Amino acid sequence: MTEPDAALDLTGVPCPLNAAKALLRLEEMGKGQVLLLTLDGGEPVENVPPTLASEGHVELGRERRGDGRWRIWFRAA
């Protein structure tokens, strides 16, 4: 997967605060930079990616970790 320019671990952060934190971080990044998010399974992984995509950020890929968390790469818009 693409080497990220930054990483943000949102494990344990509830919705919608996790999406807000991810959006803020992506807004701070330069266009085209890659952010690696770590999210809990369930509601966070279902809700955060569509929220970021609705703001123009592009999901590059995702992988499920053995502990139930997800790693998702996003390219900043």
PDB file of N, CA and C in Angstrom:
ATOM      1  N   MET A   1       0.847  -1.187   0.000  1.00  0.00           N
ATOM      2  CA  MET A   1       0.000   0.000   0.000  1.00  0.00           C
ATOM      3  C   MET A   1       0.886   1.240   0.000  1.00  0.00           C
ATOM      4  N   THR A   2       0.309   2.360  -0.382  1.00  0.00           N
ATOM      5  CA  THR A   2       1.025   3.625  -0.451  1.00  0.00           C
ATOM      6  C   THR A   2       1.567   4.018   0.919  1.00  0.00           C
ATOM      7  N   GLU A   3       2.803   4.478   0.946  1.00  0.00           N
ATOM      8  CA  GLU A   3       3.409   4.951   2.195  1.00  0.00           C
ATOM      9  C   GLU A   3       2.712   6.245   2.604  1.00  0.00           C
ATOM     10  N   PRO A   4       2.155   6.317   3.820  1.00  0.00           N
ATOM     11  CA  PRO A   4       1.417   7.512   4.218  1.00  0.00           C
ATOM     12  C   PRO A   4       2.340   8.682   4.574  1.00  0.00           C
ATOM     13  N   ASP A   5       1.824   9.878   4.374  1.00  0.00           N
ATOM     14  CA  ASP A   5       2.527  11.086   4.810  1.00  0.00           C
ATOM     15  C   ASP A   5       2.240  11.360   6.281  1.00  0.00           C
ATOM     16  N   ALA A   6       1.107  10.838   6.774  1.00  0.00           N
ATOM     17  CA  ALA A   6       0.707  11.008   8.168  1.00  0.00           C
ATOM     18  C   ALA A   6      -0.193   9.849   8.562  1.00  0.00           C
ATOM     19  N   ALA A   7      -0.298   9.630   9.868  1.00  0.00           N
ATOM     20  CA  ALA A   7      -1.169   8.572  10.386  1.00  0.00           C
ATOM     21  C   ALA A   7      -1.994   9.137  11.531  1.00  0.00           C
ATOM     22  N   LEU A   8      -3.220   8.630  11.668  1.00  0.00           N
ATOM     23  CA  LEU A   8      -4.112   9.066  12.728  1.00  0.00           C
ATOM     24  C   LEU A   8      -4.844   7.844  13.273  1.00  0.00           C
ATOM     25  N   ASP A   9      -4.619   7.569  14.556  1.00  0.00           N
ATOM     26  CA  ASP A   9      -5.268   6.433  15.210  1.00  0.00           C
ATOM     27  C   ASP A   9      -6.521   6.938  15.925  1.00  0.00           C
ATOM     28  N   LEU A  10      -7.680   6.532  15.426  1.00  0.00           N
ATOM     29  CA  LEU A  10      -8.953   6.953  16.000  1.00  0.00           C
ATOM     30  C   LEU A  10      -9.633   5.821  16.769  1.00  0.00           C
ATOM     31  N   THR A  11      -8.844   4.862  17.201  1.00  0.00           N
ATOM     32  CA  THR A  11      -9.360   3.762  18.001  1.00  0.00           C
ATOM     33  C   THR A  11     -10.027   4.310  19.260  1.00  0.00           C
ATOM     34  N   GLY A  12     -11.263   3.885  19.510  1.00  0.00           N
ATOM     35  CA  GLY A  12     -11.971   4.299  20.713  1.00  0.00           C
ATOM     36  C   GLY A  12     -12.644   5.659  20.614  1.00  0.00           C
ATOM     37  N   VAL A  13     -12.466   6.374  19.503  1.00  0.00           N
ATOM     38  CA  VAL A  13     -13.105   7.682  19.332  1.00  0.00           C
ATOM     39  C   VAL A  13     -14.487   7.454  18.726  1.00  0.00           C
ATOM     40  N   PRO A  14     -15.546   7.936  19.382  1.00  0.00           N
ATOM     41  CA  PRO A  14     -16.910   7.670  18.904  1.00  0.00           C
ATOM     42  C   PRO A  14     -17.288   8.506  17.681  1.00  0.00           C
ATOM     43  N   CYS A  15     -18.301   8.030  16.961  1.00  0.00           N
ATOM     44  CA  CYS A  15     -18.891   8.781  15.850  1.00  0.00           C
ATOM     45  C   CYS A  15     -19.748   9.883  16.448  1.00  0.00           C
ATOM     46  N   PRO A  16     -19.838  11.043  15.859  1.00  0.00           N
ATOM     47  CA  PRO A  16     -19.167  11.516  14.652  1.00  0.00           C
ATOM     48  C   PRO A  16     -17.838  12.212  14.916  1.00  0.00           C
ATOM     49  N   LEU A  17     -17.347  12.173  16.159  1.00  0.00           N
ATOM     50  CA  LEU A  17     -16.087  12.848  16.487  1.00  0.00           C
ATOM     51  C   LEU A  17     -14.920  12.297  15.676  1.00  0.00           C
ATOM     52  N   ASN A  18     -14.934  10.984  15.410  1.00  0.00           N
ATOM     53  CA  ASN A  18     -13.831  10.396  14.640  1.00  0.00           C
ATOM     54  C   ASN A  18     -13.789  10.961  13.216  1.00  0.00           C
ATOM     55  N   ALA A  19     -14.946  11.135  12.588  1.00  0.00           N
ATOM     56  CA  ALA A  19     -14.984  11.699  11.235  1.00  0.00           C
ATOM     57  C   ALA A  19     -14.513  13.149  11.255  1.00  0.00           C
ATOM     58  N   ALA A  20     -14.933  13.903  12.266  1.00  0.00           N
ATOM     59  CA  ALA A  20     -14.522  15.308  12.368  1.00  0.00           C
ATOM     60  C   ALA A  20     -13.010  15.418  12.525  1.00  0.00           C
ATOM     61  N   LYS A  21     -12.419  14.571  13.364  1.00  0.00           N
ATOM     62  CA  LYS A  21     -10.966  14.600  13.555  1.00  0.00           C
ATOM     63  C   LYS A  21     -10.223  14.226  12.272  1.00  0.00           C
ATOM     64  N   ALA A  22     -10.746  13.225  11.559  1.00  0.00           N
ATOM     65  CA  ALA A  22     -10.117  12.818  10.306  1.00  0.00           C
ATOM     66  C   ALA A  22     -10.207  13.933   9.268  1.00  0.00           C
ATOM     67  N   LEU A  23     -11.371  14.587   9.172  1.00  0.00           N
ATOM     68  CA  LEU A  23     -11.530  15.692   8.227  1.00  0.00           C
ATOM     69  C   LEU A  23     -10.586  16.842   8.550  1.00  0.00           C
ATOM     70  N   LEU A  24     -10.464  17.178   9.826  1.00  0.00           N
ATOM     71  CA  LEU A  24      -9.545  18.246  10.219  1.00  0.00           C
ATOM     72  C   LEU A  24      -8.114  17.916   9.817  1.00  0.00           C
ATOM     73  N   ARG A  25      -7.711  16.683  10.045  1.00  0.00           N
ATOM     74  CA  ARG A  25      -6.335  16.283   9.702  1.00  0.00           C
ATOM     75  C   ARG A  25      -6.113  16.347   8.191  1.00  0.00           C
ATOM     76  N   LEU A  26      -7.085  15.869   7.421  1.00  0.00           N
ATOM     77  CA  LEU A  26      -6.957  15.907   5.964  1.00  0.00           C
ATOM     78  C   LEU A  26      -6.932  17.348   5.449  1.00  0.00           C
ATOM     79  N   GLU A  27      -7.670  18.241   6.089  1.00  0.00           N
ATOM     80  CA  GLU A  27      -7.688  19.643   5.676  1.00  0.00           C
ATOM     81  C   GLU A  27      -6.326  20.291   5.911  1.00  0.00           C
ATOM     82  N   GLU A  28      -5.602  19.825   6.923  1.00  0.00           N
ATOM     83  CA  GLU A  28      -4.270  20.363   7.235  1.00  0.00           C
ATOM     84  C   GLU A  28      -3.213  19.866   6.255  1.00  0.00           C
ATOM     85  N   MET A  29      -3.499  18.784   5.579  1.00  0.00           N
ATOM     86  CA  MET A  29      -2.525  18.166   4.684  1.00  0.00           C
ATOM     87  C   MET A  29      -2.578  18.812   3.303  1.00  0.00           C
ATOM     88  N   GLY A  30      -1.499  18.656   2.555  1.00  0.00           N
ATOM     89  CA  GLY A  30      -1.468  19.158   1.199  1.00  0.00           C
ATOM     90  C   GLY A  30      -2.232  18.240   0.261  1.00  0.00           C
ATOM     91  N   LYS A  31      -2.730  18.834  -0.820  1.00  0.00           N
ATOM     92  CA  LYS A  31      -3.461  18.058  -1.817  1.00  0.00           C
ATOM     93  C   LYS A  31      -2.585  16.917  -2.325  1.00  0.00           C
ATOM     94  N   GLY A  32      -3.154  15.706  -2.340  1.00  0.00           N
ATOM     95  CA  GLY A  32      -2.422  14.543  -2.828  1.00  0.00           C
ATOM     96  C   GLY A  32      -1.657  13.784  -1.764  1.00  0.00           C
ATOM     97  N   GLN A  33      -1.519  14.359  -0.577  1.00  0.00           N
ATOM     98  CA  GLN A  33      -0.836  13.636   0.496  1.00  0.00           C
ATOM     99  C   GLN A  33      -1.731  12.510   0.996  1.00  0.00           C
ATOM    100  N   VAL A  34      -1.104  11.505   1.607  1.00  0.00           N
ATOM    101  CA  VAL A  34      -1.828  10.306   2.031  1.00  0.00           C
ATOM    102  C   VAL A  34      -1.873  10.226   3.557  1.00  0.00           C
ATOM    103  N   LEU A  35      -3.091  10.001   4.068  1.00  0.00           N
ATOM    104  CA  LEU A  35      -3.330   9.820   5.498  1.00  0.00           C
ATOM    105  C   LEU A  35      -3.739   8.379   5.755  1.00  0.00           C
ATOM    106  N   LEU A  36      -3.089   7.748   6.707  1.00  0.00           N
ATOM    107  CA  LEU A  36      -3.452   6.402   7.131  1.00  0.00           C
ATOM    108  C   LEU A  36      -4.289   6.514   8.403  1.00  0.00           C
ATOM    109  N   LEU A  37      -5.539   6.075   8.325  1.00  0.00           N
ATOM    110  CA  LEU A  37      -6.442   6.080   9.479  1.00  0.00           C
ATOM    111  C   LEU A  37      -6.524   4.688  10.075  1.00  0.00           C
ATOM    112  N   THR A  38      -6.595   4.614  11.386  1.00  0.00           N
ATOM    113  CA  THR A  38      -6.905   3.368  12.078  1.00  0.00           C
ATOM    114  C   THR A  38      -8.246   3.587  12.763  1.00  0.00           C
ATOM    115  N   LEU A  39      -9.208   2.729  12.420  1.00  0.00           N
ATOM    116  CA  LEU A  39     -10.570   2.851  12.933  1.00  0.00           C
ATOM    117  C   LEU A  39     -11.041   1.537  13.536  1.00  0.00           C
ATOM    118  N   ASP A  40     -11.949   1.658  14.506  1.00  0.00           N
ATOM    119  CA  ASP A  40     -12.616   0.473  15.031  1.00  0.00           C
ATOM    120  C   ASP A  40     -13.560  -0.071  13.966  1.00  0.00           C
ATOM    121  N   GLY A  41     -13.857  -1.376  14.052  1.00  0.00           N
ATOM    122  CA  GLY A  41     -14.841  -1.970  13.167  1.00  0.00           C
ATOM    123  C   GLY A  41     -16.235  -1.485  13.534  1.00  0.00           C
ATOM    124  N   GLY A  42     -17.221  -1.890  12.748  1.00  0.00           N
ATOM    125  CA  GLY A  42     -18.607  -1.505  13.031  1.00  0.00           C
ATOM    126  C   GLY A  42     -18.919  -0.107  12.532  1.00  0.00           C
ATOM    127  N   GLU A  43     -19.592   0.661  13.363  1.00  0.00           N
ATOM    128  CA  GLU A  43     -20.059   1.991  12.971  1.00  0.00           C
ATOM    129  C   GLU A  43     -18.941   2.903  12.460  1.00  0.00           C
ATOM    130  N   PRO A  44     -17.778   2.973  13.109  1.00  0.00           N
ATOM    131  CA  PRO A  44     -16.732   3.856  12.596  1.00  0.00           C
ATOM    132  C   PRO A  44     -16.298   3.526  11.162  1.00  0.00           C
ATOM    133  N   VAL A  45     -16.050   2.260  10.880  1.00  0.00           N
ATOM    134  CA  VAL A  45     -15.577   1.909   9.539  1.00  0.00           C
ATOM    135  C   VAL A  45     -16.706   2.021   8.508  1.00  0.00           C
ATOM    136  N   GLU A  46     -17.945   1.964   8.951  1.00  0.00           N
ATOM    137  CA  GLU A  46     -19.083   2.132   8.037  1.00  0.00           C
ATOM    138  C   GLU A  46     -19.362   3.604   7.738  1.00  0.00           C
ATOM    139  N   ASN A  47     -19.113   4.484   8.712  1.00  0.00           N
ATOM    140  CA  ASN A  47     -19.505   5.888   8.577  1.00  0.00           C
ATOM    141  C   ASN A  47     -18.387   6.851   8.183  1.00  0.00           C
ATOM    142  N   VAL A  48     -17.180   6.641   8.677  1.00  0.00           N
ATOM    143  CA  VAL A  48     -16.114   7.611   8.421  1.00  0.00           C
ATOM    144  C   VAL A  48     -15.714   7.664   6.941  1.00  0.00           C
ATOM    145  N   PRO A  49     -15.438   6.534   6.272  1.00  0.00           N
ATOM    146  CA  PRO A  49     -15.028   6.630   4.869  1.00  0.00           C
ATOM    147  C   PRO A  49     -16.022   7.362   3.961  1.00  0.00           C
ATOM    148  N   PRO A  50     -17.343   7.106   4.052  1.00  0.00           N
ATOM    149  CA  PRO A  50     -18.264   7.865   3.196  1.00  0.00           C
ATOM    150  C   PRO A  50     -18.265   9.366   3.509  1.00  0.00           C
ATOM    151  N   THR A  51     -18.085   9.703   4.782  1.00  0.00           N
ATOM    152  CA  THR A  51     -18.029  11.115   5.162  1.00  0.00           C
ATOM    153  C   THR A  51     -16.834  11.797   4.517  1.00  0.00           C
ATOM    154  N   LEU A  52     -15.676  11.143   4.568  1.00  0.00           N
ATOM    155  CA  LEU A  52     -14.471  11.724   3.973  1.00  0.00           C
ATOM    156  C   LEU A  52     -14.604  11.808   2.452  1.00  0.00           C
ATOM    157  N   ALA A  53     -15.175  10.774   1.851  1.00  0.00           N
ATOM    158  CA  ALA A  53     -15.362  10.769   0.395  1.00  0.00           C
ATOM    159  C   ALA A  53     -16.313  11.882  -0.036  1.00  0.00           C
ATOM    160  N   SER A  54     -17.316  12.185   0.779  1.00  0.00           N
ATOM    161  CA  SER A  54     -18.270  13.241   0.429  1.00  0.00           C
ATOM    162  C   SER A  54     -17.601  14.611   0.399  1.00  0.00           C
ATOM    163  N   GLU A  55     -16.437  14.725   1.032  1.00  0.00           N
ATOM    164  CA  GLU A  55     -15.668  15.971   1.025  1.00  0.00           C
ATOM    165  C   GLU A  55     -14.580  15.963  -0.052  1.00  0.00           C
ATOM    166  N   GLY A  56     -14.571  14.925  -0.886  1.00  0.00           N
ATOM    167  CA  GLY A  56     -13.645  14.876  -2.007  1.00  0.00           C
ATOM    168  C   GLY A  56     -12.366  14.088  -1.777  1.00  0.00           C
ATOM    169  N   HIS A  57     -12.176  13.564  -0.566  1.00  0.00           N
ATOM    170  CA  HIS A  57     -10.983  12.764  -0.276  1.00  0.00           C
ATOM    171  C   HIS A  57     -11.176  11.364  -0.856  1.00  0.00           C
ATOM    172  N   VAL A  58     -10.098  10.768  -1.330  1.00  0.00           N
ATOM    173  CA  VAL A  58     -10.187   9.508  -2.074  1.00  0.00           C
ATOM    174  C   VAL A  58      -9.626   8.359  -1.243  1.00  0.00           C
ATOM    175  N   GLU A  59     -10.447   7.329  -1.054  1.00  0.00           N
ATOM    176  CA  GLU A  59      -9.974   6.128  -0.376  1.00  0.00           C
ATOM    177  C   GLU A  59      -9.080   5.347  -1.329  1.00  0.00           C
ATOM    178  N   LEU A  60      -7.875   5.023  -0.858  1.00  0.00           N
ATOM    179  CA  LEU A  60      -6.912   4.296  -1.683  1.00  0.00           C
ATOM    180  C   LEU A  60      -6.909   2.805  -1.397  1.00  0.00           C
ATOM    181  N   GLY A  61      -7.359   2.416  -0.222  1.00  0.00           N
ATOM    182  CA  GLY A  61      -7.377   1.006   0.132  1.00  0.00           C
ATOM    183  C   GLY A  61      -7.625   0.844   1.614  1.00  0.00           C
ATOM    184  N   ARG A  62      -7.920  -0.401   1.982  1.00  0.00           N
ATOM    185  CA  ARG A  62      -8.169  -0.702   3.390  1.00  0.00           C
ATOM    186  C   ARG A  62      -7.766  -2.124   3.685  1.00  0.00           C
ATOM    187  N   GLU A  63      -7.438  -2.358   4.944  1.00  0.00           N
ATOM    188  CA  GLU A  63      -7.140  -3.724   5.389  1.00  0.00           C
ATOM    189  C   GLU A  63      -7.667  -3.904   6.806  1.00  0.00           C
ATOM    190  N   ARG A  64      -8.213  -5.081   7.029  1.00  0.00           N
ATOM    191  CA  ARG A  64      -8.707  -5.418   8.365  1.00  0.00           C
ATOM    192  C   ARG A  64      -7.571  -6.044   9.147  1.00  0.00           C
ATOM    193  N   ARG A  65      -7.370  -5.553  10.354  1.00  0.00           N
ATOM    194  CA  ARG A  65      -6.334  -6.107  11.216  1.00  0.00           C
ATOM    195  C   ARG A  65      -6.908  -7.261  12.021  1.00  0.00           C
ATOM    196  N   GLY A  66      -6.066  -8.080  12.569  1.00  0.00           N
ATOM    197  CA  GLY A  66      -6.503  -9.229  13.342  1.00  0.00           C
ATOM    198  C   GLY A  66      -7.269  -8.879  14.606  1.00  0.00           C
ATOM    199  N   ASP A  67      -7.101  -7.636  15.088  1.00  0.00           N
ATOM    200  CA  ASP A  67      -7.772  -7.211  16.319  1.00  0.00           C
ATOM    201  C   ASP A  67      -9.135  -6.570  16.061  1.00  0.00           C
ATOM    202  N   GLY A  68      -9.619  -6.637  14.808  1.00  0.00           N
ATOM    203  CA  GLY A  68     -10.925  -6.084  14.475  1.00  0.00           C
ATOM    204  C   GLY A  68     -10.896  -4.635  14.023  1.00  0.00           C
ATOM    205  N   ARG A  69      -9.738  -3.982  14.172  1.00  0.00           N
ATOM    206  CA  ARG A  69      -9.621  -2.606  13.688  1.00  0.00           C
ATOM    207  C   ARG A  69      -9.309  -2.607  12.194  1.00  0.00           C
ATOM    208  N   TRP A  70      -9.467  -1.450  11.582  1.00  0.00           N
ATOM    209  CA  TRP A  70      -9.211  -1.288  10.152  1.00  0.00           C
ATOM    210  C   TRP A  70      -8.155  -0.222   9.934  1.00  0.00           C
ATOM    211  N   ARG A  71      -7.345  -0.434   8.904  1.00  0.00           N
ATOM    212  CA  ARG A  71      -6.422   0.599   8.430  1.00  0.00           C
ATOM    213  C   ARG A  71      -6.925   1.016   7.060  1.00  0.00           C
ATOM    214  N   ILE A  72      -7.138   2.329   6.889  1.00  0.00           N
ATOM    215  CA  ILE A  72      -7.678   2.845   5.648  1.00  0.00           C
ATOM    216  C   ILE A  72      -6.822   4.026   5.200  1.00  0.00           C
ATOM    217  N   TRP A  73      -6.396   3.997   3.950  1.00  0.00           N
ATOM    218  CA  TRP A  73      -5.570   5.049   3.379  1.00  0.00           C
ATOM    219  C   TRP A  73      -6.447   6.005   2.584  1.00  0.00           C
ATOM    220  N   PHE A  74      -6.243   7.310   2.792  1.00  0.00           N
ATOM    221  CA  PHE A  74      -6.961   8.344   2.061  1.00  0.00           C
ATOM    222  C   PHE A  74      -5.995   9.339   1.447  1.00  0.00           C
ATOM    223  N   ARG A  75      -6.298   9.756   0.211  1.00  0.00           N
ATOM    224  CA  ARG A  75      -5.553  10.823  -0.445  1.00  0.00           C
ATOM    225  C   ARG A  75      -6.327  12.117  -0.229  1.00  0.00           C
ATOM    226  N   ALA A  76      -5.626  13.136   0.286  1.00  0.00           N
ATOM    227  CA  ALA A  76      -6.263  14.422   0.565  1.00  0.00           C
ATOM    228  C   ALA A  76      -6.653  15.133  -0.713  1.00  0.00           C
ATOM    229  N   ALA A  77      -7.821  15.767  -0.694  1.00  0.00           N
ATOM    230  CA  ALA A  77      -8.322  16.499  -1.858  1.00  0.00           C
ATOM    231  C   ALA A  77      -7.720  17.886  -1.913  1.00  0.00           C
TER     232      ALA A  77
END
